[in-house]
Amino acid sequence: MTKTPELPGSSPRHPSRPATASDHRVAVTRRGFLASAVVAVGAGRLPWPLAMQPHPARRPVPSPSQLLWQHDELALFVHFGVNTFTSREWGDGREDPSIFAPAALDTRQWVRAARTAGFRAMILTAKHHDGFCLWPTRTTTHSVARSPWRDGEGDLVREFTDACRAEGLRAGLYCSPWDRNAPSYGDSPRYDDVYSTQLTELLTNYGPIHEVWFDGANGEGPNGRRQVYDWDRYWGLVRRLQPEAVIFSDAGPDVRWIGNERGVAGETNWSTMDPDAVPFPGATGDHVIRALQEGDPAGTVWRPGETDVSIRPGWFYHADQDARVKSVDDLVDIYFTSVGRNSKLLLNVPPTRDGLLHDTDVARLAGMHTRLGAIFERDLTDRRAPAWRRTGERTGVAELDLGRAVTIAVADLREDIEQGQAVARYVFEGSNGDSWQTLSNGTTIGYRKLDRFAPTRVRRVRVIVDDAVDVPGPIRIGLYAPV
């Protein structure tokens, strides 16, 4: 089919349109600013001169829910709906619900594939921009209740959340605020009531929801009008109905988008943010991209980045993309540029028209898990803690003698983020004698920084913290052999 033309860097899932106002409830598109993204994130350089930054009296720290979210590391995104059957990325809201007819839908297959591959959470597109609801909502007839699937008695959100709980995974939901089917869309107060009712149904009828996923996509509705989103109202509903959930959007408030859909977090990636830098989902400008990619060392809120990317070129399933599924090498690289850069990976794997994950996609997930398992099979430090000493107000050294010479190719560096994030510049060195050799260097560490380098024989290693935004704490070091 012919797709809507995209601006450079835009996503077919999120149309690129200009912002129309500066108020935090303004009608905007989530990805519109990608067309103007020209900021390069330079490896090994600081985004701001730290000495010039004000430092909060108390650094932000993660909430228990944010900490749990970060520790999961891997979540699977599931885009499934009428677009699956029209082979489109953006539905127009005029689809006949009768086309939604997966012949062999099995959410347990989805969840088992995810769990077997090491994923700990999943997010389902309960409603995409076409407005088709995967649960029998009372707000519209554009839903599974008007489809032949399960004779019109089905509830895919129920089957998804039940499957997640049965397999021990945390369930999340994405309900698009843009609705190309709803007649009230663009009549802001009236549609806000409709959308809030949909959120209420999703947040009260399906048990604990771990992550509630929002974007700022804001095209026209069936009446040609755009909506003014009441973000405070939507987020307030989540806080009241699912207080343990984390809320994702460009503007958080708990988790932020990482600024691209390529699977690449910033080389510099602070989990702290200035909330005014991205005041609402869909805010535009080069400064927004930089803030999303890098965070802010002087940020006043804890808002870590989530890195979303699809295993296929599209977000929904298209049979002509079966030969274009990301390779195991690609997926491992994405793990290093997301989880390995103080982020979390949200990997989209779309079900087929039958309602099953494609065999190729499942095999690639399994291959990724096997490869990562081989890389991280044995920590050559034997989990010994390095000796930590401060060398200045905001400098320090973590040093470890392994007691034997080993060959390493990956360093796994971690801060204790329960105490916040502090390291702003570091050097990782190794020695197999009297002299030290630089193996890697970088800026932020945070929850986890994975550095790869040429295989090197070492007996001792050390992390030199050259700069920090606060008194740095001990650094945990993991070391892994080449594979």
Protein backbone atom coordinates (compact mmCIF):
# COMPACT_ATOMS: atom_id res chain seq x y z
CA MET A 1 0.00 0.00 0.00
CA THR A 2 1.03 3.65 -0.33
CA LYS A 3 2.06 5.08 2.99
CA THR A 4 1.75 8.65 4.12
CA PRO A 5 5.01 10.45 3.23
CA GLU A 6 7.35 10.78 6.18
CA LEU A 7 9.64 13.60 7.13
CA PRO A 8 13.27 12.62 7.64
CA GLY A 9 13.61 10.79 10.95
CA SER A 10 9.86 10.51 11.53
CA SER A 11 8.06 7.29 12.33
CA PRO A 12 5.17 5.92 10.25
CA ARG A 13 3.49 5.15 13.57
CA HIS A 14 3.52 8.77 14.73
CA PRO A 15 2.73 11.46 12.14
CA SER A 16 4.96 14.50 11.97
CA ARG A 17 3.03 17.74 12.37
CA PRO A 18 3.98 21.13 13.81
CA ALA A 19 3.00 22.23 17.27
CA THR A 20 0.23 24.80 17.46
CA ALA A 21 0.76 26.44 20.84
CA SER A 22 3.01 26.42 23.86
CA ASP A 23 0.55 25.46 26.58
CA HIS A 24 1.16 22.05 28.18
CA ARG A 25 -2.28 20.90 27.00
CA VAL A 26 -1.65 21.92 23.39
CA ALA A 27 -2.55 19.71 20.43
CA VAL A 28 0.72 18.32 19.04
CA THR A 29 2.24 15.21 17.53
CA ARG A 30 4.62 13.11 19.51
CA ARG A 31 7.20 12.70 16.80
CA GLY A 32 6.84 15.98 14.94
CA PHE A 33 10.06 17.36 16.27
CA LEU A 34 12.13 14.55 14.80
CA ALA A 35 12.22 16.33 11.47
CA SER A 36 14.18 19.13 13.06
CA ALA A 37 16.51 16.90 15.05
CA VAL A 38 20.05 17.81 14.09
CA VAL A 39 21.84 17.52 17.41
CA ALA A 40 24.57 14.91 17.44
CA VAL A 41 25.31 13.21 20.70
CA GLY A 42 29.08 13.14 20.88
CA ALA A 43 30.73 10.18 22.51
CA GLY A 44 32.97 11.02 25.39
CA ARG A 45 32.13 14.71 25.70
CA LEU A 46 30.04 16.39 28.34
CA PRO A 47 26.77 17.99 27.21
CA TRP A 48 27.15 20.84 29.70
CA PRO A 49 30.11 22.30 31.62
CA LEU A 50 29.30 20.79 35.00
CA ALA A 51 31.07 23.46 36.98
CA MET A 52 28.55 25.96 35.60
CA GLN A 53 25.52 23.93 36.63
CA PRO A 54 23.53 24.53 39.81
CA HIS A 55 23.40 21.44 41.99
CA PRO A 56 20.24 20.57 43.91
CA ALA A 57 20.64 20.26 47.67
CA ARG A 58 19.39 16.68 47.36
CA ARG A 59 19.81 14.68 44.18
CA PRO A 60 16.66 13.02 42.77
CA VAL A 61 16.33 9.28 43.33
CA PRO A 62 14.01 6.69 41.76
CA SER A 63 10.72 5.67 43.33
CA PRO A 64 10.25 1.94 44.07
CA SER A 65 8.15 1.64 40.89
CA GLN A 66 10.82 3.34 38.77
CA LEU A 67 13.49 1.12 40.31
CA LEU A 68 11.48 -2.02 39.51
CA TRP A 69 10.91 -0.74 35.97
CA GLN A 70 14.65 -0.18 35.44
CA HIS A 71 15.69 -3.52 36.86
CA ASP A 72 13.42 -5.32 34.37
CA GLU A 73 15.73 -4.08 31.58
CA LEU A 74 13.67 -5.71 28.79
CA ALA A 75 10.02 -5.24 27.85
CA LEU A 76 8.16 -6.45 24.76
CA PHE A 77 5.83 -4.09 22.87
CA VAL A 78 2.88 -5.64 20.99
CA HIS A 79 1.24 -3.66 18.18
CA PHE A 80 -1.87 -5.55 17.09
CA GLY A 81 -5.24 -4.40 15.77
CA VAL A 82 -7.10 -3.57 12.58
CA ASN A 83 -3.87 -2.29 11.03
CA THR A 84 -2.64 -5.88 11.13
CA PHE A 85 -5.43 -6.82 8.73
CA THR A 86 -5.21 -3.77 6.46
CA SER A 87 -1.39 -3.87 6.31
CA ARG A 88 -1.23 -0.23 7.30
CA GLU A 89 0.74 1.57 9.97
CA TRP A 90 -1.88 4.27 10.57
CA GLY A 91 -5.52 3.31 10.36
CA ASP A 92 -8.00 6.02 9.39
CA GLY A 93 -10.78 4.99 11.79
CA ARG A 94 -13.11 3.85 9.01
CA GLU A 95 -12.20 0.17 9.21
CA ASP A 96 -15.01 -2.36 9.42
CA PRO A 97 -14.60 -4.18 12.75
CA SER A 98 -15.41 -7.42 10.92
CA ILE A 99 -11.89 -7.47 9.45
CA PHE A 100 -10.49 -8.20 12.91
CA ALA A 101 -10.53 -11.99 12.75
CA PRO A 102 -7.35 -13.66 14.06
CA ALA A 103 -7.84 -17.37 13.47
CA ALA A 104 -5.41 -18.73 16.08
CA LEU A 105 -4.80 -15.90 18.55
CA ASP A 106 -2.81 -17.10 21.54
CA THR A 107 -1.55 -14.51 23.99
CA ARG A 108 0.16 -17.24 25.99
CA GLN A 109 2.38 -17.86 22.93
CA TRP A 110 3.35 -14.17 22.94
CA VAL A 111 4.12 -14.13 26.62
CA ARG A 112 6.00 -17.42 26.69
CA ALA A 113 8.19 -16.27 23.82
CA ALA A 114 8.94 -13.08 25.73
CA ARG A 115 9.62 -14.82 29.04
CA THR A 116 11.83 -17.47 27.44
CA ALA A 117 13.87 -14.68 25.84
CA GLY A 118 14.46 -12.98 29.18
CA PHE A 119 11.82 -10.24 28.96
CA ARG A 120 10.08 -9.33 32.19
CA ALA A 121 7.27 -7.04 31.04
CA MET A 122 4.99 -6.50 28.05
CA ILE A 123 2.92 -3.58 26.73
CA LEU A 124 -0.13 -4.02 24.47
CA THR A 125 -1.61 -1.39 22.15
CA ALA A 126 -5.10 -1.53 23.61
CA LYS A 127 -6.06 1.26 21.17
CA HIS A 128 -4.03 2.76 18.34
CA HIS A 129 -4.70 5.94 16.36
CA ASP A 130 -7.50 4.27 14.35
CA GLY A 131 -9.57 4.16 17.54
CA PHE A 132 -10.26 0.41 17.38
CA CYS A 133 -10.43 -0.91 20.94
CA LEU A 134 -9.16 -4.38 21.79
CA TRP A 135 -11.57 -4.60 24.70
CA PRO A 136 -15.40 -4.35 24.75
CA THR A 137 -15.51 -0.71 25.81
CA ARG A 138 -18.80 1.04 26.41
CA THR A 139 -17.47 4.21 24.73
CA THR A 140 -17.63 3.08 21.08
CA THR A 141 -18.80 0.34 18.73
CA HIS A 142 -15.41 0.44 16.99
CA SER A 143 -14.11 -2.48 19.01
CA VAL A 144 -13.69 -6.24 19.25
CA ALA A 145 -17.34 -6.47 20.35
CA ARG A 146 -18.36 -5.85 16.72
CA SER A 147 -15.84 -8.32 15.29
CA PRO A 148 -16.29 -12.03 14.50
CA TRP A 149 -13.37 -12.89 16.82
CA ARG A 150 -14.65 -15.01 19.72
CA ASP A 151 -18.14 -14.42 18.24
CA GLY A 152 -18.01 -10.82 19.42
CA GLU A 153 -17.51 -11.90 23.03
CA GLY A 154 -13.75 -11.57 23.13
CA ASP A 155 -11.61 -9.26 25.24
CA LEU A 156 -8.02 -9.18 24.09
CA VAL A 157 -6.88 -6.92 26.92
CA ARG A 158 -8.23 -9.53 29.36
CA GLU A 159 -6.48 -12.39 27.58
CA PHE A 160 -3.23 -10.39 27.44
CA THR A 161 -3.18 -9.36 31.09
CA ASP A 162 -4.20 -12.85 32.23
CA ALA A 163 -1.42 -14.40 30.13
CA CYS A 164 1.16 -12.00 31.54
CA ARG A 165 0.22 -12.83 35.10
CA ALA A 166 0.12 -16.57 34.39
CA GLU A 167 3.68 -16.43 33.05
CA GLY A 168 5.01 -14.05 35.70
CA LEU A 169 5.44 -10.96 33.48
CA ARG A 170 4.32 -7.44 34.29
CA ALA A 171 1.57 -6.08 32.04
CA GLY A 172 1.42 -2.59 30.55
CA LEU A 173 -1.06 -0.85 28.26
CA TYR A 174 -0.90 1.81 25.55
CA CYS A 175 -4.13 3.66 24.76
CA SER A 176 -3.58 6.24 22.02
CA PRO A 177 -5.09 9.65 22.76
CA TRP A 178 -5.37 10.33 19.02
CA ASP A 179 -8.59 8.71 17.80
CA ARG A 180 -9.46 8.94 14.12
CA ASN A 181 -12.83 7.25 14.67
CA ALA A 182 -14.32 9.09 17.66
CA PRO A 183 -16.89 11.70 16.51
CA SER A 184 -16.12 13.80 19.58
CA TYR A 185 -12.38 14.03 18.84
CA GLY A 186 -11.54 17.73 18.52
CA ASP A 187 -14.40 18.73 20.80
CA SER A 188 -11.89 18.84 23.59
CA PRO A 189 -14.01 18.65 26.76
CA ARG A 190 -16.31 16.00 25.28
CA TYR A 191 -13.54 13.79 23.94
CA ASP A 192 -11.58 14.17 27.16
CA ASP A 193 -14.55 12.56 28.89
CA VAL A 194 -14.56 9.70 26.36
CA TYR A 195 -10.84 9.12 26.61
CA SER A 196 -10.88 9.32 30.40
CA THR A 197 -13.63 6.71 30.47
CA GLN A 198 -11.51 4.44 28.29
CA LEU A 199 -8.54 4.87 30.60
CA THR A 200 -10.74 4.20 33.60
CA GLU A 201 -11.99 0.95 32.07
CA LEU A 202 -8.44 -0.20 31.34
CA LEU A 203 -7.12 0.79 34.75
CA THR A 204 -9.91 -0.72 36.85
CA ASN A 205 -10.93 -3.95 35.10
CA TYR A 206 -7.66 -5.76 34.45
CA GLY A 207 -5.73 -5.94 37.70
CA PRO A 208 -2.33 -4.33 38.34
CA ILE A 209 -0.88 -2.43 35.37
CA HIS A 210 2.86 -1.85 35.59
CA GLU A 211 3.33 0.77 32.85
CA VAL A 212 0.83 3.11 31.20
CA TRP A 213 2.20 4.29 27.88
CA PHE A 214 1.21 7.61 26.27
CA ASP A 215 2.32 9.46 23.19
CA GLY A 216 1.46 12.94 21.96
CA ALA A 217 0.26 11.97 18.46
CA ASN A 218 -2.37 14.52 17.51
CA GLY A 219 -3.62 14.38 13.94
CA GLU A 220 -7.10 15.24 12.81
CA GLY A 221 -10.20 13.35 13.86
CA PRO A 222 -13.08 12.35 11.56
CA ASN A 223 -14.43 15.90 11.78
CA GLY A 224 -11.14 17.43 10.63
CA ARG A 225 -10.40 18.91 14.05
CA ARG A 226 -7.60 18.32 16.53
CA GLN A 227 -7.85 17.70 20.20
CA VAL A 228 -6.43 19.67 23.11
CA TYR A 229 -5.24 16.92 25.44
CA ASP A 230 -5.76 17.30 29.17
CA TRP A 231 -2.59 15.56 30.30
CA ASP A 232 -3.04 16.50 33.94
CA ARG A 233 -6.39 14.76 33.96
CA TYR A 234 -5.10 11.62 32.22
CA TRP A 235 -2.05 11.28 34.45
CA GLY A 236 -4.16 12.00 37.52
CA LEU A 237 -6.39 9.06 36.63
CA VAL A 238 -3.39 6.76 36.45
CA ARG A 239 -2.09 8.01 39.79
CA ARG A 240 -5.48 7.43 41.42
CA LEU A 241 -6.40 4.10 39.82
CA GLN A 242 -2.96 2.47 39.44
CA PRO A 243 -0.71 4.23 41.96
CA GLU A 244 2.11 1.69 41.52
CA ALA A 245 2.26 2.12 37.73
CA VAL A 246 4.93 4.14 35.95
CA ILE A 247 3.69 6.64 33.37
CA PHE A 248 5.60 6.93 30.07
CA SER A 249 5.49 9.82 27.62
CA ASP A 250 7.87 12.33 26.07
CA ALA A 251 7.25 14.41 29.19
CA GLY A 252 7.15 11.53 31.67
CA PRO A 253 6.21 12.12 34.39
CA ASP A 254 7.91 8.85 35.45
CA VAL A 255 9.66 7.60 32.31
CA ARG A 256 10.65 9.57 29.21
CA TRP A 257 11.05 8.65 25.56
CA ILE A 258 14.71 8.43 24.56
CA GLY A 259 14.33 10.69 21.52
CA ASN A 260 14.47 8.21 18.60
CA GLU A 261 13.06 4.86 17.52
CA ARG A 262 16.35 3.33 16.40
CA GLY A 263 17.17 1.59 19.67
CA VAL A 264 19.93 4.06 20.60
CA ALA A 265 20.11 5.92 23.90
CA GLY A 266 22.52 8.82 24.28
CA GLU A 267 26.16 8.06 25.05
CA THR A 268 25.54 10.57 27.80
CA ASN A 269 22.31 9.62 29.49
CA TRP A 270 21.22 11.16 32.78
CA SER A 271 18.15 9.73 34.48
CA THR A 272 17.49 13.19 35.88
CA MET A 273 15.56 15.80 33.91
CA ASP A 274 14.53 19.42 34.00
CA PRO A 275 10.73 19.05 33.73
CA ASP A 276 10.50 22.35 31.86
CA ALA A 277 12.73 21.06 29.05
CA VAL A 278 9.95 18.81 27.70
CA PRO A 279 6.81 20.39 29.15
CA PHE A 280 4.25 18.20 27.32
CA PRO A 281 4.22 15.13 25.07
CA GLY A 282 5.04 16.23 21.54
CA ALA A 283 7.01 19.36 22.40
CA THR A 284 9.30 20.32 19.54
CA GLY A 285 12.81 21.65 18.99
CA ASP A 286 16.45 20.65 18.98
CA HIS A 287 16.64 21.34 22.71
CA VAL A 288 13.86 18.79 23.26
CA ILE A 289 15.72 16.06 21.37
CA ARG A 290 18.87 16.82 23.36
CA ALA A 291 16.99 16.72 26.66
CA LEU A 292 15.33 13.41 25.76
CA GLN A 293 18.56 11.82 24.59
CA GLU A 294 20.85 13.05 27.34
CA GLY A 295 18.74 14.07 30.32
CA ASP A 296 20.11 16.83 32.54
CA PRO A 297 22.86 16.56 35.18
CA ALA A 298 21.16 19.36 37.12
CA GLY A 299 17.68 17.90 36.65
CA THR A 300 15.25 18.15 39.54
CA VAL A 301 13.20 15.02 38.78
CA TRP A 302 14.11 11.37 38.26
CA ARG A 303 12.83 10.49 34.76
CA PRO A 304 14.87 7.70 33.12
CA GLY A 305 14.73 7.05 29.38
CA GLU A 306 12.97 4.19 27.64
CA THR A 307 14.37 3.08 24.28
CA ASP A 308 11.66 1.80 21.92
CA VAL A 309 12.39 0.11 18.60
CA SER A 310 10.70 -2.49 16.40
CA ILE A 311 12.16 -5.84 15.44
CA ARG A 312 10.78 -5.17 11.94
CA PRO A 313 10.75 -2.03 9.77
CA GLY A 314 7.10 -1.47 10.71
CA TRP A 315 5.33 -1.48 14.05
CA PHE A 316 2.46 -3.63 12.85
CA TYR A 317 2.91 -6.96 11.07
CA HIS A 318 3.37 -6.93 7.29
CA ALA A 319 4.03 -10.21 5.48
CA ASP A 320 6.38 -8.50 3.03
CA GLN A 321 8.73 -7.72 5.95
CA ASP A 322 9.27 -11.35 6.97
CA ALA A 323 12.74 -11.26 5.41
CA ARG A 324 13.62 -7.96 7.10
CA VAL A 325 13.52 -8.97 10.75
CA LYS A 326 16.47 -7.65 12.74
CA SER A 327 19.30 -10.14 13.10
CA VAL A 328 20.60 -11.50 16.39
CA ASP A 329 23.65 -9.28 15.96
CA ASP A 330 21.37 -6.26 15.51
CA LEU A 331 19.39 -7.09 18.65
CA VAL A 332 22.52 -7.61 20.74
CA ASP A 333 23.89 -4.27 19.54
CA ILE A 334 20.59 -2.63 20.50
CA TYR A 335 20.84 -4.17 23.98
CA PHE A 336 24.25 -2.52 24.39
CA THR A 337 22.99 0.86 23.12
CA SER A 338 19.88 0.83 25.33
CA VAL A 339 20.25 -1.21 28.53
CA GLY A 340 24.00 -0.69 28.25
CA ARG A 341 23.51 3.09 28.24
CA ASN A 342 21.45 3.49 31.39
CA SER A 343 18.12 2.92 29.61
CA LYS A 344 15.49 0.21 29.31
CA LEU A 345 14.70 -1.55 26.02
CA LEU A 346 11.11 -1.73 24.78
CA LEU A 347 11.28 -4.03 21.74
CA ASN A 348 8.23 -4.22 19.50
CA VAL A 349 7.33 -7.67 18.12
CA PRO A 350 4.01 -7.57 16.21
CA PRO A 351 1.72 -10.63 15.91
CA THR A 352 0.62 -11.91 12.50
CA ARG A 353 -2.95 -11.92 11.21
CA ASP A 354 -3.36 -15.33 12.81
CA GLY A 355 -2.67 -13.72 16.17
CA LEU A 356 0.70 -15.39 16.75
CA LEU A 357 4.25 -14.10 16.86
CA HIS A 358 6.00 -15.11 13.64
CA ASP A 359 8.45 -18.02 13.89
CA THR A 360 11.30 -15.84 12.60
CA ASP A 361 10.69 -13.18 15.24
CA VAL A 362 10.51 -15.78 18.00
CA ALA A 363 13.74 -17.38 16.78
CA ARG A 364 15.50 -14.00 16.78
CA LEU A 365 14.35 -13.31 20.34
CA ALA A 366 15.67 -16.71 21.41
CA GLY A 367 18.93 -16.07 19.58
CA MET A 368 19.34 -12.72 21.31
CA HIS A 369 18.79 -14.40 24.68
CA THR A 370 21.31 -17.14 23.90
CA ARG A 371 23.94 -14.65 22.74
CA LEU A 372 23.52 -12.39 25.75
CA GLY A 373 23.62 -15.43 28.01
CA ALA A 374 26.95 -16.42 26.47
CA ILE A 375 28.39 -12.91 26.84
CA PHE A 376 27.36 -12.57 30.48
CA GLU A 377 27.70 -16.22 31.47
CA ARG A 378 30.49 -15.65 33.98
CA ASP A 379 31.58 -12.51 35.76
CA LEU A 380 35.35 -12.84 35.91
CA THR A 381 35.47 -10.70 39.06
CA ASP A 382 33.66 -13.51 40.87
CA ARG A 383 31.46 -10.65 42.09
CA ARG A 384 34.17 -9.25 44.35
CA ALA A 385 33.67 -5.62 45.27
CA PRO A 386 36.42 -3.25 44.16
CA ALA A 387 38.26 -1.10 46.66
CA TRP A 388 36.82 2.42 46.53
CA ARG A 389 38.61 5.56 47.55
CA ARG A 390 37.76 9.20 47.07
CA THR A 391 40.44 11.36 45.53
CA GLY A 392 38.60 14.65 45.74
CA GLU A 393 35.22 16.21 46.41
CA ARG A 394 33.79 14.78 43.19
CA THR A 395 36.41 12.28 42.08
CA GLY A 396 37.36 8.77 43.07
CA VAL A 397 38.85 5.43 42.01
CA ALA A 398 37.41 1.92 42.12
CA GLU A 399 40.20 -0.66 41.82
CA LEU A 400 40.09 -4.44 41.72
CA ASP A 401 42.88 -7.03 41.77
CA LEU A 402 41.58 -10.24 40.20
CA GLY A 403 44.38 -12.35 41.65
CA ARG A 404 45.07 -13.85 38.23
CA ALA A 405 45.39 -12.73 34.62
CA VAL A 406 42.22 -13.00 32.53
CA THR A 407 41.17 -11.86 29.07
CA ILE A 408 38.27 -9.41 29.05
CA ALA A 409 36.25 -7.68 26.33
CA VAL A 410 33.26 -6.22 28.20
CA ALA A 411 33.09 -4.06 31.32
CA ASP A 412 29.77 -3.75 33.17
CA LEU A 413 29.83 -0.59 35.31
CA ARG A 414 27.07 0.35 37.74
CA GLU A 415 26.22 3.03 40.24
CA ASP A 416 23.86 2.45 43.15
CA ILE A 417 20.97 4.43 41.64
CA GLU A 418 18.93 4.09 44.83
CA GLN A 419 21.26 6.88 45.97
CA GLY A 420 20.88 8.77 42.67
CA GLN A 421 23.21 9.21 39.71
CA ALA A 422 26.47 11.13 40.06
CA VAL A 423 29.28 10.09 37.69
CA ALA A 424 29.81 12.57 34.83
CA ARG A 425 33.15 11.42 33.37
CA TYR A 426 35.20 8.27 33.86
CA VAL A 427 38.06 6.22 32.44
CA PHE A 428 38.25 2.43 32.62
CA GLU A 429 41.76 1.00 32.72
CA GLY A 430 43.40 -2.39 32.90
CA SER A 431 46.86 -3.63 33.85
CA ASN A 432 48.74 -6.90 33.55
CA GLY A 433 51.95 -5.55 35.02
CA ASP A 434 53.20 -2.20 36.18
CA SER A 435 51.54 0.09 33.63
CA TRP A 436 47.88 0.91 33.05
CA GLN A 437 46.13 0.85 29.69
CA THR A 438 42.95 2.77 28.87
CA LEU A 439 40.29 0.32 27.67
CA SER A 440 37.30 2.66 27.52
CA ASN A 441 36.04 6.01 28.71
CA GLY A 442 32.73 7.78 28.90
CA THR A 443 30.49 10.24 30.65
CA THR A 444 27.50 8.82 32.55
CA ILE A 445 27.20 5.39 34.16
CA GLY A 446 23.91 5.29 36.08
CA TYR A 447 22.07 1.98 36.41
CA ARG A 448 24.31 0.21 33.92
CA LYS A 449 27.02 1.16 31.42
CA LEU A 450 28.33 -1.60 29.16
CA ASP A 451 31.67 -0.90 27.48
CA ARG A 452 33.03 -3.17 24.74
CA PHE A 453 36.69 -3.12 23.67
CA ALA A 454 39.32 -5.30 22.04
CA PRO A 455 40.12 -8.45 24.06
CA THR A 456 42.76 -7.52 26.61
CA ARG A 457 44.74 -9.51 29.16
CA VAL A 458 44.51 -7.96 32.65
CA ARG A 459 45.06 -8.80 36.27
CA ARG A 460 43.94 -5.47 37.70
CA VAL A 461 41.27 -3.03 36.58
CA ARG A 462 40.15 0.35 37.79
CA VAL A 463 37.50 2.98 37.13
CA ILE A 464 38.75 6.53 37.56
CA VAL A 465 35.93 8.98 38.20
CA ASP A 466 37.23 12.29 36.86
CA ASP A 467 34.07 14.32 37.43
CA ALA A 468 30.69 13.98 39.10
CA VAL A 469 27.70 16.15 39.89
CA ASP A 470 27.75 15.04 43.51
CA VAL A 471 29.97 13.02 45.82
CA PRO A 472 30.34 9.76 43.85
CA GLY A 473 29.71 6.48 45.58
CA PRO A 474 31.37 3.10 45.01
CA ILE A 475 31.22 1.75 41.45
CA ARG A 476 30.36 -1.89 40.86
CA ILE A 477 32.47 -3.58 38.18
CA GLY A 478 31.65 -6.70 36.19
CA LEU A 479 34.11 -8.20 33.67
CA TYR A 480 33.35 -10.60 30.84
CA ALA A 481 35.44 -12.59 28.40
CA PRO A 482 35.24 -12.24 24.62
CA VAL A 483 32.67 -14.48 22.90
